[in-house]
Amino acid sequence: MPRGRFELVVSGSLVLPDGRLMDGDLGVDEGRIAAIAEPGALTGDERIEAGRHLVLPGVVDAHVHTRSEPAEGLTRATTAAAAGGVTTIVDMPYDDPTPITNVGAFIQKTEAVCREAITDVALWATIAKTGGLDEIEELVSAGACGFKVSTFETHPVRFPRIPDGELYLAMQRIHAAGSLIAFHAENDDIVRRLGARLAADGRSDASAHAAGRPPVTETEAVGRALELALATGARTHIVHATLQRSFERAATARTPPRRPACTTSSWTRASSCVRAFA
């Protein structure tokens, strides 16, 4: 077992990766677990004696909306997270009333995080429905961990549906900037058509929400997101998928693609041959 001096040493009942419990010391450097050793083996600038309490790694919650409801906010959300063992949250960009679509808004939010959060926080950014592509590189440079987008329009400004053409161009730039994109994947048109029919039938019960979202509303949008990912090379994450077929499509998309039978250049050469013999 390693020995040495660390920024922090926690002594207690350690929960190991294989599920075993071990009385011992845990050494932390730069916020990361750096060593596990027998009791008393490690020294640190700070030491916490946890006694018989369980010592577990902190959980990272990559999908949090602290400001979609302004009354919640960063302090309440991170306090609740810490109480549940979550030491890092990754906050979504759909703040009410203004989403995080530009560097100015991003910097203001990072300043709020420093004032209000009690856990570590990373921040997603997003893009405007149109006209926001030039913000992508600056947001990446400012520290955005990625870009969240939606194929369903929850709100025309705060949480819009991004048109496919805008998504394609955005994903090219996100890929070039070395960032990633996450999709809320629902087919907007089908949901709205079915929702309107249910409303006309007087349906406003909770089950109408599910009735207006048959499986194809998710799987079609997931497929569209994955095709855009394959076309642009952008690292892509599908959030809150619920269907086995969505996971199967994602698994298939991760398989290395086969060499195309006919590329643009080979088609051009073939067309020239056809014209020559016509």
Protein backbone atom coordinates (compact mmCIF):
# COMPACT_ATOMS: atom_id res chain seq x y z
CA MET A 1 0.00 0.00 0.00
CA PRO A 2 1.32 3.49 -0.80
CA ARG A 3 2.51 5.82 1.94
CA GLY A 4 3.11 9.56 1.78
CA ARG A 5 1.70 12.98 2.50
CA PHE A 6 -1.55 14.14 0.92
CA GLU A 7 -3.72 17.24 0.91
CA LEU A 8 -6.41 15.34 2.79
CA VAL A 9 -6.54 12.00 4.59
CA VAL A 10 -9.87 10.45 5.61
CA SER A 11 -9.76 7.58 8.07
CA GLY A 12 -12.77 5.33 8.48
CA SER A 13 -14.65 2.36 7.07
CA LEU A 14 -13.72 2.55 3.39
CA VAL A 15 -16.11 1.17 0.76
CA LEU A 16 -13.83 -0.40 -1.85
CA PRO A 17 -14.64 -0.73 -5.59
CA ASP A 18 -15.34 -4.45 -5.22
CA GLY A 19 -17.91 -3.79 -2.48
CA ARG A 20 -15.76 -4.85 0.48
CA LEU A 21 -15.44 -2.72 3.61
CA MET A 22 -11.96 -1.96 4.91
CA ASP A 23 -10.83 0.00 7.91
CA GLY A 24 -8.14 2.28 6.57
CA ASP A 25 -6.88 5.63 5.33
CA LEU A 26 -7.85 7.31 2.09
CA GLY A 27 -5.48 9.91 0.61
CA VAL A 28 -6.82 12.75 -1.56
CA ASP A 29 -4.83 15.09 -3.82
CA GLU A 30 -6.34 17.77 -6.06
CA GLY A 31 -9.83 16.54 -5.28
CA ARG A 32 -9.15 12.97 -6.39
CA ILE A 33 -8.62 9.74 -4.51
CA ALA A 34 -4.89 9.10 -4.75
CA ALA A 35 -4.23 6.29 -2.30
CA ILE A 36 -5.87 3.67 -0.07
CA ALA A 37 -3.87 2.26 2.82
CA GLU A 38 -4.11 0.55 6.19
CA PRO A 39 -5.13 2.62 9.22
CA GLY A 40 -2.56 5.23 10.23
CA ALA A 41 -0.39 4.73 7.15
CA LEU A 42 -1.04 8.08 5.49
CA THR A 43 -0.37 11.64 6.58
CA GLY A 44 -1.96 14.78 5.21
CA ASP A 45 -2.27 18.52 5.52
CA GLU A 46 -5.79 17.86 6.78
CA ARG A 47 -7.14 14.75 8.44
CA ILE A 48 -10.73 13.66 9.01
CA GLU A 49 -11.46 10.88 11.48
CA ALA A 50 -14.72 9.34 10.24
CA GLY A 51 -14.79 6.63 12.88
CA ARG A 52 -17.24 3.88 11.97
CA HIS A 53 -18.93 5.99 9.30
CA LEU A 54 -18.76 4.69 5.74
CA VAL A 55 -16.36 6.55 3.44
CA LEU A 56 -17.49 6.50 -0.21
CA PRO A 57 -16.42 8.35 -3.36
CA GLY A 58 -18.51 11.42 -4.11
CA VAL A 59 -21.17 11.02 -6.79
CA VAL A 60 -21.13 13.14 -9.95
CA ASP A 61 -24.64 14.08 -11.15
CA ALA A 62 -24.26 15.11 -14.80
CA HIS A 63 -27.86 16.28 -15.30
CA VAL A 64 -29.14 18.97 -12.93
CA HIS A 65 -31.45 21.97 -13.51
CA THR A 66 -30.74 24.37 -10.64
CA ARG A 67 -32.25 27.44 -12.30
CA SER A 68 -35.06 26.10 -14.44
CA GLU A 69 -37.12 26.91 -11.36
CA PRO A 70 -35.69 30.20 -9.98
CA ALA A 71 -36.92 29.49 -6.45
CA GLU A 72 -34.56 26.50 -6.21
CA GLY A 73 -31.23 28.02 -7.21
CA LEU A 74 -27.66 26.88 -6.72
CA THR A 75 -27.50 26.92 -2.93
CA ARG A 76 -30.57 24.76 -2.35
CA ALA A 77 -29.70 22.39 -5.17
CA THR A 78 -26.10 21.84 -4.08
CA THR A 79 -27.10 21.54 -0.42
CA ALA A 80 -29.54 18.77 -1.33
CA ALA A 81 -26.87 17.17 -3.51
CA ALA A 82 -24.29 17.15 -0.72
CA ALA A 83 -26.82 15.66 1.71
CA GLY A 84 -27.25 12.76 -0.70
CA GLY A 85 -23.53 12.16 -1.28
CA VAL A 86 -23.29 14.09 -4.56
CA THR A 87 -20.13 16.18 -4.52
CA THR A 88 -20.22 17.43 -8.12
CA ILE A 89 -23.18 18.55 -10.22
CA VAL A 90 -23.18 19.43 -13.90
CA ASP A 91 -25.82 22.10 -14.34
CA MET A 92 -28.01 22.44 -17.41
CA PRO A 93 -28.12 25.75 -19.31
CA TYR A 94 -31.88 26.34 -19.44
CA ASP A 95 -32.01 29.01 -16.76
CA ASP A 96 -35.23 30.95 -16.32
CA PRO A 97 -35.63 33.45 -17.89
CA THR A 98 -32.35 33.51 -19.88
CA PRO A 99 -30.49 30.41 -21.13
CA ILE A 100 -26.69 30.21 -21.23
CA THR A 101 -26.09 30.90 -24.92
CA ASN A 102 -23.20 33.39 -24.77
CA VAL A 103 -20.01 34.08 -22.85
CA GLY A 104 -21.48 36.99 -20.89
CA ALA A 105 -24.25 34.82 -19.46
CA PHE A 106 -21.78 32.00 -18.82
CA ILE A 107 -19.39 34.21 -16.85
CA GLN A 108 -22.25 35.63 -14.78
CA LYS A 109 -23.30 32.10 -13.90
CA THR A 110 -19.77 31.01 -12.96
CA GLU A 111 -19.60 34.00 -10.62
CA ALA A 112 -22.91 32.92 -9.07
CA VAL A 113 -21.53 29.40 -8.63
CA CYS A 114 -18.56 30.78 -6.69
CA ARG A 115 -20.90 32.74 -4.41
CA GLU A 116 -23.72 30.26 -3.92
CA ALA A 117 -22.69 26.63 -4.47
CA ILE A 118 -21.42 24.37 -1.71
CA THR A 119 -20.32 21.50 -3.98
CA ASP A 120 -18.21 21.40 -7.13
CA VAL A 121 -20.16 22.54 -10.20
CA ALA A 122 -19.55 22.21 -13.93
CA LEU A 123 -21.72 24.03 -16.44
CA TRP A 124 -23.35 23.07 -19.71
CA ALA A 125 -23.96 25.75 -22.33
CA THR A 126 -26.47 25.76 -25.18
CA ILE A 127 -27.00 27.55 -28.50
CA ALA A 128 -29.70 29.95 -29.53
CA LYS A 129 -32.40 28.66 -31.87
CA THR A 130 -30.71 30.56 -34.71
CA GLY A 131 -27.76 32.91 -34.97
CA GLY A 132 -25.73 31.55 -32.08
CA LEU A 133 -23.06 29.51 -33.83
CA ASP A 134 -20.29 32.09 -33.38
CA GLU A 135 -20.60 31.76 -29.60
CA ILE A 136 -19.55 28.09 -29.58
CA GLU A 137 -15.77 28.48 -29.56
CA GLU A 138 -15.86 31.27 -26.99
CA LEU A 139 -18.07 29.23 -24.67
CA VAL A 140 -15.67 26.29 -24.92
CA SER A 141 -12.74 28.58 -24.11
CA ALA A 142 -14.67 30.02 -21.15
CA GLY A 143 -15.01 26.54 -19.64
CA ALA A 144 -18.35 25.11 -20.78
CA CYS A 145 -18.16 21.32 -20.42
CA GLY A 146 -20.46 20.75 -23.40
CA PHE A 147 -23.61 21.88 -25.19
CA LYS A 148 -27.13 20.72 -24.40
CA VAL A 149 -29.72 20.97 -27.19
CA SER A 150 -33.28 19.82 -27.74
CA THR A 151 -35.25 18.49 -30.69
CA PHE A 152 -38.44 19.42 -28.81
CA GLU A 153 -39.55 22.97 -28.09
CA THR A 154 -40.35 23.38 -24.41
CA HIS A 155 -40.06 27.19 -24.70
CA PRO A 156 -39.22 29.27 -27.80
CA VAL A 157 -36.37 31.15 -26.07
CA ARG A 158 -35.39 29.40 -22.86
CA PHE A 159 -35.64 25.80 -24.13
CA PRO A 160 -36.13 25.85 -27.93
CA ARG A 161 -36.10 23.17 -30.58
CA ILE A 162 -32.93 23.69 -32.61
CA PRO A 163 -33.59 23.26 -36.36
CA ASP A 164 -31.75 20.38 -38.01
CA GLY A 165 -29.65 22.59 -40.27
CA GLU A 166 -28.51 24.66 -37.30
CA LEU A 167 -27.72 21.47 -35.39
CA TYR A 168 -25.60 20.15 -38.26
CA LEU A 169 -23.52 23.33 -38.45
CA ALA A 170 -23.27 23.59 -34.67
CA MET A 171 -22.08 20.01 -34.33
CA GLN A 172 -19.35 20.58 -36.90
CA ARG A 173 -18.05 23.48 -34.83
CA ILE A 174 -18.49 21.68 -31.51
CA HIS A 175 -16.45 18.79 -32.87
CA ALA A 176 -13.73 21.13 -34.17
CA ALA A 177 -13.60 22.85 -30.77
CA GLY A 178 -13.06 19.53 -29.00
CA SER A 179 -16.31 19.70 -27.05
CA LEU A 180 -19.41 17.47 -26.95
CA ILE A 181 -23.17 17.78 -27.38
CA ALA A 182 -26.10 16.30 -25.44
CA PHE A 183 -29.60 15.79 -26.86
CA HIS A 184 -33.04 15.96 -25.34
CA ALA A 185 -34.47 13.70 -28.07
CA GLU A 186 -38.18 13.93 -28.87
CA ASN A 187 -39.95 14.36 -32.19
CA ASP A 188 -41.59 17.77 -31.79
CA ASP A 189 -44.13 17.44 -34.60
CA ILE A 190 -45.54 14.08 -33.52
CA VAL A 191 -45.84 15.14 -29.89
CA ARG A 192 -47.66 18.34 -30.82
CA ARG A 193 -50.06 16.64 -33.25
CA LEU A 194 -50.98 13.94 -30.77
CA GLY A 195 -51.17 16.44 -27.93
CA ALA A 196 -53.60 18.59 -29.87
CA ARG A 197 -55.81 15.56 -30.58
CA LEU A 198 -55.80 14.54 -26.92
CA ALA A 199 -56.67 18.08 -25.87
CA ALA A 200 -59.57 18.11 -28.35
CA ASP A 201 -60.83 14.91 -26.72
CA GLY A 202 -60.74 16.64 -23.34
CA ARG A 203 -57.72 14.74 -22.05
CA SER A 204 -55.74 16.65 -19.45
CA ASP A 205 -54.93 13.80 -17.05
CA ALA A 206 -51.40 12.76 -16.22
CA SER A 207 -51.53 9.70 -18.48
CA ALA A 208 -52.22 11.97 -21.48
CA HIS A 209 -48.58 13.01 -21.30
CA ALA A 210 -47.50 9.44 -22.04
CA ALA A 211 -50.30 8.87 -24.55
CA GLY A 212 -49.01 11.78 -26.59
CA ARG A 213 -45.51 10.34 -26.69
CA PRO A 214 -45.49 6.89 -28.29
CA PRO A 215 -42.08 5.17 -28.54
CA VAL A 216 -41.36 6.52 -32.03
CA THR A 217 -41.23 10.09 -30.70
CA GLU A 218 -38.05 9.13 -28.82
CA THR A 219 -36.48 6.59 -31.15
CA GLU A 220 -36.84 8.75 -34.28
CA ALA A 221 -35.20 11.73 -32.57
CA VAL A 222 -32.45 9.54 -31.14
CA GLY A 223 -31.76 8.17 -34.62
CA ARG A 224 -31.62 11.69 -36.05
CA ALA A 225 -29.17 12.81 -33.36
CA LEU A 226 -26.96 9.79 -34.00
CA GLU A 227 -26.94 10.34 -37.76
CA LEU A 228 -25.87 13.94 -37.19
CA ALA A 229 -23.17 12.67 -34.85
CA LEU A 230 -21.88 10.23 -37.46
CA ALA A 231 -21.95 12.92 -40.13
CA THR A 232 -20.09 15.54 -38.09
CA GLY A 233 -17.88 13.47 -35.80
CA ALA A 234 -19.22 15.29 -32.74
CA ARG A 235 -19.13 13.36 -29.47
CA THR A 236 -22.80 12.91 -28.62
CA HIS A 237 -24.69 12.06 -25.46
CA ILE A 238 -28.41 11.15 -25.38
CA VAL A 239 -30.01 12.22 -22.12
CA HIS A 240 -32.85 10.47 -20.25
CA ALA A 241 -33.50 7.80 -22.88
CA THR A 242 -36.23 5.38 -21.79
CA LEU A 243 -36.46 2.70 -24.48
CA GLN A 244 -34.38 -0.36 -25.23
CA ARG A 245 -34.38 0.52 -28.94
CA SER A 246 -32.79 3.90 -28.17
CA PHE A 247 -29.92 2.16 -26.39
CA GLU A 248 -29.59 -0.37 -29.20
CA ARG A 249 -29.37 2.43 -31.77
CA ALA A 250 -26.72 4.19 -29.69
CA ALA A 251 -24.72 0.96 -29.37
CA THR A 252 -24.89 0.42 -33.13
CA ALA A 253 -23.75 3.98 -33.79
CA ARG A 254 -20.67 3.40 -31.63
CA THR A 255 -19.59 0.51 -33.87
CA PRO A 256 -16.82 1.62 -36.29
CA PRO A 257 -18.47 2.43 -39.64
CA ARG A 258 -17.77 0.32 -42.70
CA ARG A 259 -15.98 1.78 -45.70
CA PRO A 260 -18.61 3.30 -48.05
CA ALA A 261 -19.17 1.43 -51.30
CA CYS A 262 -19.22 4.63 -53.33
CA THR A 263 -17.63 7.92 -52.33
CA THR A 264 -18.21 11.27 -54.01
CA SER A 265 -14.94 11.00 -55.91
CA SER A 266 -15.58 7.45 -57.11
CA TRP A 267 -19.09 8.42 -58.20
CA THR A 268 -17.67 11.34 -60.18
CA ARG A 269 -15.22 9.01 -61.94
CA ALA A 270 -17.99 6.48 -62.64
CA SER A 271 -20.23 9.21 -64.04
CA SER A 272 -17.45 10.34 -66.36
CA CYS A 273 -17.09 6.79 -67.67
CA VAL A 274 -20.82 6.49 -68.27
CA ARG A 275 -20.85 9.75 -70.22
CA ALA A 276 -17.84 8.64 -72.25
CA PHE A 277 -19.58 5.48 -73.39
CA ALA A 278 -23.03 6.99 -73.84
